[in-house]
């Protein structure tokens, strides 16, 4: 699945105030995903890149991360 589809869905969820509508929107997205993508989408939907037990680290100092983010905007 293309990331644009996931991003568009998340944007729609973000603009929705109804919890039921959010759930239906995410359920529709998950129905379109294959078994490998479902876990990734679920992690992204709660603001994580990976499950907490994996311990994702970027090994980038906070100062450098701020500079990187500032150049993207």
N, C-alpha and C. Protein backbone atom coordinates (compact mmCIF):
# COMPACT_ATOMS: atom_id res chain seq x y z
N UNK A 1 0.84 -1.17 0.00
CA UNK A 1 0.00 0.00 0.00
C UNK A 1 0.89 1.24 0.00
N UNK A 2 0.49 2.21 -0.75
CA UNK A 2 1.26 3.45 -0.82
C UNK A 2 1.04 4.27 0.46
N UNK A 3 2.12 4.92 0.88
CA UNK A 3 2.05 5.73 2.10
C UNK A 3 1.06 6.88 1.97
N UNK A 4 0.87 7.38 0.76
CA UNK A 4 -0.08 8.48 0.53
C UNK A 4 -1.48 8.07 0.95
N UNK A 5 -1.86 6.84 0.71
CA UNK A 5 -3.19 6.36 1.10
C UNK A 5 -3.32 6.38 2.62
N UNK A 6 -2.28 5.91 3.30
CA UNK A 6 -2.28 5.90 4.76
C UNK A 6 -2.31 7.33 5.30
N UNK A 7 -1.48 8.20 4.73
CA UNK A 7 -1.42 9.59 5.18
C UNK A 7 -2.76 10.30 4.97
N UNK A 8 -3.41 10.04 3.84
CA UNK A 8 -4.72 10.66 3.57
C UNK A 8 -5.76 10.18 4.58
N UNK A 9 -5.70 8.91 4.92
CA UNK A 9 -6.61 8.36 5.92
C UNK A 9 -6.38 8.99 7.28
N UNK A 10 -5.12 9.10 7.68
CA UNK A 10 -4.80 9.73 8.96
C UNK A 10 -5.24 11.18 8.99
N UNK A 11 -5.11 11.87 7.87
CA UNK A 11 -5.56 13.26 7.80
C UNK A 11 -7.07 13.34 7.98
N UNK A 12 -7.79 12.40 7.37
CA UNK A 12 -9.24 12.37 7.51
C UNK A 12 -9.63 12.09 8.97
N UNK A 13 -8.92 11.17 9.61
CA UNK A 13 -9.18 10.86 11.02
C UNK A 13 -8.91 12.08 11.89
N UNK A 14 -7.84 12.80 11.58
CA UNK A 14 -7.47 13.98 12.36
C UNK A 14 -8.54 15.07 12.28
N UNK A 15 -9.21 15.16 11.15
CA UNK A 15 -10.22 16.20 10.96
C UNK A 15 -11.60 15.79 11.47
N UNK A 16 -11.73 14.53 11.90
CA UNK A 16 -13.01 13.99 12.35
C UNK A 16 -13.13 14.10 13.86
N UNK A 17 -14.28 14.53 14.34
CA UNK A 17 -14.48 14.61 15.79
C UNK A 17 -15.23 13.40 16.34
N UNK A 18 -15.94 12.70 15.48
CA UNK A 18 -16.71 11.53 15.90
C UNK A 18 -15.81 10.31 16.05
N UNK A 19 -15.80 9.74 17.24
CA UNK A 19 -14.97 8.56 17.49
C UNK A 19 -15.41 7.37 16.63
N UNK A 20 -16.71 7.25 16.42
CA UNK A 20 -17.24 6.17 15.59
C UNK A 20 -16.76 6.33 14.15
N UNK A 21 -16.79 7.54 13.65
CA UNK A 21 -16.33 7.81 12.28
C UNK A 21 -14.84 7.55 12.14
N UNK A 22 -14.06 7.91 13.16
CA UNK A 22 -12.62 7.61 13.15
C UNK A 22 -12.39 6.11 13.05
N UNK A 23 -13.13 5.36 13.85
CA UNK A 23 -12.98 3.91 13.87
C UNK A 23 -13.34 3.31 12.52
N UNK A 24 -14.42 3.78 11.92
CA UNK A 24 -14.82 3.28 10.60
C UNK A 24 -13.79 3.60 9.53
N UNK A 25 -13.22 4.79 9.60
CA UNK A 25 -12.21 5.21 8.63
C UNK A 25 -10.96 4.32 8.75
N UNK A 26 -10.50 4.10 9.98
CA UNK A 26 -9.33 3.24 10.19
C UNK A 26 -9.63 1.79 9.81
N UNK A 27 -10.84 1.33 10.10
CA UNK A 27 -11.22 -0.04 9.76
C UNK A 27 -11.21 -0.24 8.24
N UNK A 28 -11.68 0.75 7.52
CA UNK A 28 -11.67 0.69 6.06
C UNK A 28 -10.24 0.60 5.54
N UNK A 29 -9.36 1.40 6.12
CA UNK A 29 -7.94 1.38 5.73
C UNK A 29 -7.34 0.00 6.01
N UNK A 30 -7.60 -0.53 7.19
CA UNK A 30 -7.02 -1.82 7.56
C UNK A 30 -7.55 -2.96 6.70
N UNK A 31 -8.77 -2.86 6.21
CA UNK A 31 -9.33 -3.87 5.31
C UNK A 31 -8.57 -3.90 3.98
N UNK A 32 -8.04 -2.75 3.57
CA UNK A 32 -7.30 -2.66 2.30
C UNK A 32 -5.86 -3.13 2.43
N UNK A 33 -5.36 -3.18 3.66
CA UNK A 33 -3.94 -3.52 3.90
C UNK A 33 -3.74 -5.03 3.90
N UNK A 34 -2.51 -5.44 3.54
CA UNK A 34 -2.19 -6.86 3.65
C UNK A 34 -1.68 -7.16 5.06
N UNK A 35 -1.43 -8.42 5.35
CA UNK A 35 -1.09 -8.82 6.71
C UNK A 35 0.22 -8.18 7.21
N UNK A 36 1.15 -7.90 6.33
CA UNK A 36 2.41 -7.25 6.73
C UNK A 36 2.21 -5.77 7.05
N UNK A 37 1.28 -5.14 6.38
CA UNK A 37 1.08 -3.71 6.54
C UNK A 37 0.22 -3.36 7.76
N UNK A 38 -0.62 -4.27 8.20
CA UNK A 38 -1.55 -3.98 9.29
C UNK A 38 -0.81 -3.56 10.56
N UNK A 39 0.22 -4.29 10.94
CA UNK A 39 0.99 -3.95 12.14
C UNK A 39 1.65 -2.59 12.03
N UNK A 40 2.18 -2.29 10.87
CA UNK A 40 2.84 -0.99 10.64
C UNK A 40 1.82 0.14 10.75
N UNK A 41 0.67 -0.04 10.13
CA UNK A 41 -0.37 0.99 10.18
C UNK A 41 -0.86 1.19 11.61
N UNK A 42 -1.04 0.12 12.34
CA UNK A 42 -1.49 0.23 13.74
C UNK A 42 -0.47 0.99 14.57
N UNK A 43 0.80 0.69 14.40
CA UNK A 43 1.84 1.42 15.14
C UNK A 43 1.83 2.90 14.78
N UNK A 44 1.73 3.22 13.51
CA UNK A 44 1.71 4.62 13.08
C UNK A 44 0.48 5.34 13.61
N UNK A 45 -0.64 4.63 13.70
CA UNK A 45 -1.87 5.27 14.16
C UNK A 45 -1.81 5.69 15.63
N UNK A 46 -0.92 5.07 16.40
CA UNK A 46 -0.75 5.47 17.80
C UNK A 46 0.54 6.28 18.00
N UNK A 47 1.15 6.72 16.90
CA UNK A 47 2.30 7.61 16.97
C UNK A 47 3.63 6.93 17.21
N UNK A 48 3.74 5.66 16.84
CA UNK A 48 5.00 4.93 17.02
C UNK A 48 5.49 4.43 15.66
N UNK A 49 6.81 4.35 15.53
CA UNK A 49 7.37 3.77 14.31
C UNK A 49 7.40 2.25 14.39
N UNK A 50 7.55 1.74 15.59
CA UNK A 50 7.63 0.30 15.81
C UNK A 50 7.10 0.00 17.21
N UNK A 51 6.82 -1.26 17.51
CA UNK A 51 6.37 -1.59 18.86
C UNK A 51 7.42 -1.21 19.90
N UNK A 52 7.01 -0.86 21.10
CA UNK A 52 7.95 -0.42 22.14
C UNK A 52 9.02 -1.46 22.48
N UNK A 53 8.70 -2.74 22.37
CA UNK A 53 9.67 -3.76 22.74
C UNK A 53 10.85 -3.85 21.76
N UNK A 54 10.73 -3.25 20.60
CA UNK A 54 11.85 -3.26 19.64
C UNK A 54 12.91 -2.25 20.04
N UNK A 55 12.51 -1.14 20.64
CA UNK A 55 13.48 -0.13 21.08
C UNK A 55 14.14 0.61 19.94
N UNK A 56 13.34 1.27 19.13
CA UNK A 56 13.86 2.03 17.99
C UNK A 56 14.66 3.23 18.48
N UNK A 57 15.89 3.34 18.00
CA UNK A 57 16.74 4.49 18.33
C UNK A 57 17.33 5.04 17.04
N UNK A 58 17.42 6.36 17.00
CA UNK A 58 17.98 7.01 15.82
C UNK A 58 19.44 7.39 16.01
N UNK A 59 19.91 7.40 17.26
CA UNK A 59 21.28 7.78 17.57
C UNK A 59 21.65 9.15 17.01
N UNK A 60 20.70 10.08 17.14
CA UNK A 60 20.93 11.45 16.72
C UNK A 60 20.67 12.34 17.94
N UNK A 61 21.60 13.21 18.22
CA UNK A 61 21.45 14.12 19.37
C UNK A 61 20.28 15.07 19.13
N UNK A 62 19.67 15.51 20.21
CA UNK A 62 18.49 16.38 20.13
C UNK A 62 18.81 17.66 19.36
N UNK A 63 19.98 18.24 19.58
CA UNK A 63 20.35 19.47 18.87
C UNK A 63 20.38 19.24 17.36
N UNK A 64 20.97 18.14 16.95
CA UNK A 64 21.04 17.84 15.53
C UNK A 64 19.66 17.56 14.96
N UNK A 65 18.81 16.90 15.70
CA UNK A 65 17.46 16.62 15.24
C UNK A 65 16.69 17.92 15.03
N UNK A 66 16.85 18.87 15.92
CA UNK A 66 16.20 20.18 15.78
C UNK A 66 16.66 20.87 14.51
N UNK A 67 17.95 20.81 14.22
CA UNK A 67 18.48 21.42 13.00
C UNK A 67 17.91 20.73 11.76
N UNK A 68 17.82 19.42 11.79
CA UNK A 68 17.29 18.66 10.66
C UNK A 68 15.83 19.05 10.40
N UNK A 69 15.03 19.08 11.46
CA UNK A 69 13.62 19.42 11.32
C UNK A 69 13.44 20.85 10.85
N UNK A 70 14.29 21.75 11.34
CA UNK A 70 14.20 23.16 10.93
C UNK A 70 14.48 23.33 9.44
N UNK A 71 15.37 22.52 8.87
CA UNK A 71 15.68 22.64 7.44
C UNK A 71 14.57 22.07 6.57
N UNK A 72 13.71 21.22 7.13
CA UNK A 72 12.62 20.63 6.35
C UNK A 72 11.46 21.58 6.15
N UNK A 73 11.36 22.60 6.98
CA UNK A 73 10.21 23.48 6.91
C UNK A 73 10.46 24.66 6.07
